[in-house]
Structure formats: structure tokens, C-alpha cells
Amino acid sequence: MGKPKRERALKDNEAKAVTRTIRVSPQKLNLVAAQIRGKKVQTALADLEFSRKRIAGTVKKTLESAVANAENNHDLDVDSLVVAEAYVGKSIVMKRFHVRGRGRGTRILRPFSHLTIVVREVEEEAA
């Protein structure tokens, strides 16, 4: 039997990819995600390729996964895709202990993040 199939959350001209538990703070990841929001996929990939941020490689892999999902699962045209949404969520936070002077200690927080990228197929407008 099984449970009934769930309705698709995205529109027919959209595809998404999600990367969970990325070892970077959401604030730093959002800086890179903001660079590609609203851009064409080819431009966004080029920006990520030459970005000096450490996390840009992971964001690039997620974007490539969203493009592959659009092409293989939803039969969308890769050349007319734009990054419709790129948003970041908080994940777990590892708590660590750092030894300091005079017998004290401080807490170190090591945050993790989630990244979701949605690509949308847009029709080219004649100029």
C-alpha cells in the first residue's frame, strides 16, 4: 500500500538542492549565498569558482546539484536557469572548551549551517 504521494512543493519550472550540516557559521555562509542570489546560473558558477571564501566550493557543489536536478529530474533547460532562492539555516552548534590563563576556561561555539538553493527556468525576453 504505502502512503499517498505528496504534492510537489515547488512550481513546475523550479528545482532545488539542499546541503545539510555544513561546518561554517550561517553568517559566513550567507555572505556567499547573497553573491549568487538572482543571477544566471553560469554567472553564479563563475563567481563561486573565483571566490576567495573557503565555503564557496561547497556552495558551488550545491548549485551544480540543483542544476543537475533541474536537468535530469524536471527536464528544464540548463541555459535559461537563474538562482531564484539561496537561503541559509542554522543547524547544530558544537560546544567546546578552551583553556585560558589563571585556571579559567571559556566556551567555544562551533556552528553548523544548512544551505538550500532553488533554481528557476525563465523565458528569454526579446529585446
C-alpha atoms as a PDB file:
ATOM      1  CA  MET A   1       0.000   0.000   0.000  1.00  0.00           C
ATOM      2  CA  GLY A   2       2.277   2.796   1.184  1.00  0.00           C
ATOM      3  CA  LYS A   3       1.357   6.347   1.869  1.00  0.00           C
ATOM      4  CA  PRO A   4      -0.083   8.606  -0.844  1.00  0.00           C
ATOM      5  CA  LYS A   5       2.305  10.675  -2.911  1.00  0.00           C
ATOM      6  CA  ARG A   6       2.859  14.183  -1.561  1.00  0.00           C
ATOM      7  CA  GLU A   7       2.172  17.241  -3.683  1.00  0.00           C
ATOM      8  CA  ARG A   8       5.248  18.933  -5.131  1.00  0.00           C
ATOM      9  CA  ALA A   9       6.230  21.977  -3.046  1.00  0.00           C
ATOM     10  CA  LEU A  10       7.928  23.797  -5.941  1.00  0.00           C
ATOM     11  CA  LYS A  11       6.485  25.025  -9.218  1.00  0.00           C
ATOM     12  CA  ASP A  12       6.958  23.049 -12.437  1.00  0.00           C
ATOM     13  CA  ASN A  13       9.737  25.346 -13.640  1.00  0.00           C
ATOM     14  CA  GLU A  14      11.812  25.067 -10.428  1.00  0.00           C
ATOM     15  CA  ALA A  15      14.270  22.610  -8.925  1.00  0.00           C
ATOM     16  CA  LYS A  16      16.209  22.669  -5.664  1.00  0.00           C
ATOM     17  CA  ALA A  17      19.146  21.160  -3.839  1.00  0.00           C
ATOM     18  CA  VAL A  18      19.802  21.111  -0.103  1.00  0.00           C
ATOM     19  CA  THR A  19      23.117  20.624   1.688  1.00  0.00           C
ATOM     20  CA  ARG A  20      22.827  19.971   5.387  1.00  0.00           C
ATOM     21  CA  THR A  21      25.280  20.274   8.292  1.00  0.00           C
ATOM     22  CA  ILE A  22      27.949  22.399   6.627  1.00  0.00           C
ATOM     23  CA  ARG A  23      30.790  23.233   9.012  1.00  0.00           C
ATOM     24  CA  VAL A  24      30.600  27.017   8.772  1.00  0.00           C
ATOM     25  CA  SER A  25      28.616  29.677  10.593  1.00  0.00           C
ATOM     26  CA  PRO A  26      25.341  30.765   8.957  1.00  0.00           C
ATOM     27  CA  GLN A  27      26.570  34.372   8.849  1.00  0.00           C
ATOM     28  CA  LYS A  28      29.640  33.485   6.771  1.00  0.00           C
ATOM     29  CA  LEU A  29      27.673  31.157   4.502  1.00  0.00           C
ATOM     30  CA  ASN A  30      25.032  33.825   3.896  1.00  0.00           C
ATOM     31  CA  LEU A  31      27.716  36.206   2.577  1.00  0.00           C
ATOM     32  CA  VAL A  32      28.486  33.724  -0.225  1.00  0.00           C
ATOM     33  CA  ALA A  33      24.812  32.863  -0.823  1.00  0.00           C
ATOM     34  CA  ALA A  34      24.000  36.558  -1.223  1.00  0.00           C
ATOM     35  CA  GLN A  35      26.583  36.832  -4.021  1.00  0.00           C
ATOM     36  CA  ILE A  36      24.700  34.377  -6.259  1.00  0.00           C
ATOM     37  CA  ARG A  37      21.069  35.254  -5.450  1.00  0.00           C
ATOM     38  CA  GLY A  38      19.141  36.329  -8.558  1.00  0.00           C
ATOM     39  CA  LYS A  39      21.980  35.681 -11.001  1.00  0.00           C
ATOM     40  CA  LYS A  40      22.063  33.417 -14.033  1.00  0.00           C
ATOM     41  CA  VAL A  41      23.500  30.002 -13.210  1.00  0.00           C
ATOM     42  CA  GLN A  42      26.546  30.361 -15.473  1.00  0.00           C
ATOM     43  CA  THR A  43      27.437  33.726 -13.906  1.00  0.00           C
ATOM     44  CA  ALA A  44      26.901  32.377 -10.390  1.00  0.00           C
ATOM     45  CA  LEU A  45      29.159  29.371 -11.064  1.00  0.00           C
ATOM     46  CA  ALA A  46      31.889  31.663 -12.393  1.00  0.00           C
ATOM     47  CA  ASP A  47      31.606  33.907  -9.318  1.00  0.00           C
ATOM     48  CA  LEU A  48      31.897  30.918  -6.988  1.00  0.00           C
ATOM     49  CA  GLU A  49      34.839  29.491  -8.940  1.00  0.00           C
ATOM     50  CA  PHE A  50      36.936  32.606  -8.319  1.00  0.00           C
ATOM     51  CA  SER A  51      35.650  33.485  -4.851  1.00  0.00           C
ATOM     52  CA  ARG A  52      38.289  33.570  -2.138  1.00  0.00           C
ATOM     53  CA  LYS A  53      35.907  32.330   0.573  1.00  0.00           C
ATOM     54  CA  ARG A  54      36.614  28.825   1.894  1.00  0.00           C
ATOM     55  CA  ILE A  55      32.976  27.764   1.719  1.00  0.00           C
ATOM     56  CA  ALA A  56      32.489  28.805  -1.929  1.00  0.00           C
ATOM     57  CA  GLY A  57      33.393  25.291  -3.125  1.00  0.00           C
ATOM     58  CA  THR A  58      30.569  23.728  -1.113  1.00  0.00           C
ATOM     59  CA  VAL A  59      28.089  26.332  -2.368  1.00  0.00           C
ATOM     60  CA  LYS A  60      29.251  25.616  -5.936  1.00  0.00           C
ATOM     61  CA  LYS A  61      28.644  21.877  -5.471  1.00  0.00           C
ATOM     62  CA  THR A  62      25.144  22.569  -4.146  1.00  0.00           C
ATOM     63  CA  LEU A  63      24.369  24.851  -7.101  1.00  0.00           C
ATOM     64  CA  GLU A  64      25.638  22.228  -9.545  1.00  0.00           C
ATOM     65  CA  SER A  65      23.415  19.664  -7.822  1.00  0.00           C
ATOM     66  CA  ALA A  66      20.380  21.937  -8.210  1.00  0.00           C
ATOM     67  CA  VAL A  67      21.195  22.362 -11.915  1.00  0.00           C
ATOM     68  CA  ALA A  68      21.545  18.582 -12.321  1.00  0.00           C
ATOM     69  CA  ASN A  69      18.196  18.063 -10.567  1.00  0.00           C
ATOM     70  CA  ALA A  70      16.584  20.584 -12.920  1.00  0.00           C
ATOM     71  CA  GLU A  71      18.030  18.895 -15.987  1.00  0.00           C
ATOM     72  CA  ASN A  72      17.586  15.218 -15.080  1.00  0.00           C
ATOM     73  CA  ASN A  73      14.506  15.161 -12.843  1.00  0.00           C
ATOM     74  CA  HIS A  74      12.401  18.031 -14.195  1.00  0.00           C
ATOM     75  CA  ASP A  75      13.555  18.354 -17.862  1.00  0.00           C
ATOM     76  CA  LEU A  76      14.386  22.054 -17.581  1.00  0.00           C
ATOM     77  CA  ASP A  77      16.708  23.920 -19.954  1.00  0.00           C
ATOM     78  CA  VAL A  78      20.063  24.471 -18.218  1.00  0.00           C
ATOM     79  CA  ASP A  79      20.938  27.579 -20.242  1.00  0.00           C
ATOM     80  CA  SER A  80      17.865  29.509 -19.064  1.00  0.00           C
ATOM     81  CA  LEU A  81      18.176  28.833 -15.318  1.00  0.00           C
ATOM     82  CA  VAL A  82      18.567  31.554 -12.696  1.00  0.00           C
ATOM     83  CA  VAL A  83      19.198  31.233  -8.962  1.00  0.00           C
ATOM     84  CA  ALA A  84      15.737  32.079  -7.665  1.00  0.00           C
ATOM     85  CA  GLU A  85      16.487  31.489  -3.975  1.00  0.00           C
ATOM     86  CA  ALA A  86      19.592  30.778  -1.935  1.00  0.00           C
ATOM     87  CA  TYR A  87      18.923  30.722   1.771  1.00  0.00           C
ATOM     88  CA  VAL A  88      20.788  29.598   4.855  1.00  0.00           C
ATOM     89  CA  GLY A  89      19.515  27.980   8.034  1.00  0.00           C
ATOM     90  CA  LYS A  90      21.050  27.245  11.400  1.00  0.00           C
ATOM     91  CA  SER A  91      21.996  23.689  12.314  1.00  0.00           C
ATOM     92  CA  ILE A  92      23.654  22.204  15.387  1.00  0.00           C
ATOM     93  CA  VAL A  93      26.269  24.024  17.437  1.00  0.00           C
ATOM     94  CA  MET A  94      29.189  22.051  18.890  1.00  0.00           C
ATOM     95  CA  LYS A  95      30.257  23.329  22.284  1.00  0.00           C
ATOM     96  CA  ARG A  96      33.952  23.133  23.051  1.00  0.00           C
ATOM     97  CA  PHE A  97      36.124  24.225  25.969  1.00  0.00           C
ATOM     98  CA  HIS A  98      39.253  26.372  25.628  1.00  0.00           C
ATOM     99  CA  VAL A  99      41.740  26.604  28.467  1.00  0.00           C
ATOM    100  CA  ARG A 100      42.701  30.189  29.444  1.00  0.00           C
ATOM    101  CA  GLY A 101      45.060  31.728  31.950  1.00  0.00           C
ATOM    102  CA  ARG A 102      44.671  31.739  35.742  1.00  0.00           C
ATOM    103  CA  GLY A 103      42.843  28.397  35.783  1.00  0.00           C
ATOM    104  CA  ARG A 104      39.885  29.681  33.839  1.00  0.00           C
ATOM    105  CA  GLY A 105      38.221  28.338  30.738  1.00  0.00           C
ATOM    106  CA  THR A 106      35.949  29.711  28.049  1.00  0.00           C
ATOM    107  CA  ARG A 107      33.361  28.160  25.850  1.00  0.00           C
ATOM    108  CA  ILE A 108      33.976  27.878  22.104  1.00  0.00           C
ATOM    109  CA  LEU A 109      30.925  27.552  19.852  1.00  0.00           C
ATOM    110  CA  ARG A 110      31.375  25.761  16.528  1.00  0.00           C
ATOM    111  CA  PRO A 111      28.213  26.375  14.485  1.00  0.00           C
ATOM    112  CA  PHE A 112      26.937  24.373  11.513  1.00  0.00           C
ATOM    113  CA  SER A 113      24.575  25.508   8.726  1.00  0.00           C
ATOM    114  CA  HIS A 114      22.089  24.281   6.141  1.00  0.00           C
ATOM    115  CA  LEU A 115      22.032  25.629   2.573  1.00  0.00           C
ATOM    116  CA  THR A 116      19.084  25.494   0.158  1.00  0.00           C
ATOM    117  CA  ILE A 117      19.356  26.634  -3.451  1.00  0.00           C
ATOM    118  CA  VAL A 118      16.324  26.881  -5.762  1.00  0.00           C
ATOM    119  CA  VAL A 119      16.863  27.395  -9.497  1.00  0.00           C
ATOM    120  CA  ARG A 120      14.078  28.581 -11.809  1.00  0.00           C
ATOM    121  CA  GLU A 121      13.736  28.378 -15.576  1.00  0.00           C
ATOM    122  CA  VAL A 122      12.924  31.761 -17.124  1.00  0.00           C
ATOM    123  CA  GLU A 123      11.923  32.519 -20.687  1.00  0.00           C
ATOM    124  CA  GLU A 124      14.305  34.755 -22.582  1.00  0.00           C
ATOM    125  CA  GLU A 125      12.646  38.100 -23.366  1.00  0.00           C
ATOM    126  CA  ALA A 126      13.193  39.517 -26.845  1.00  0.00           C
ATOM    127  CA  ALA A 127      14.713  42.985 -26.692  1.00  0.00           C
END
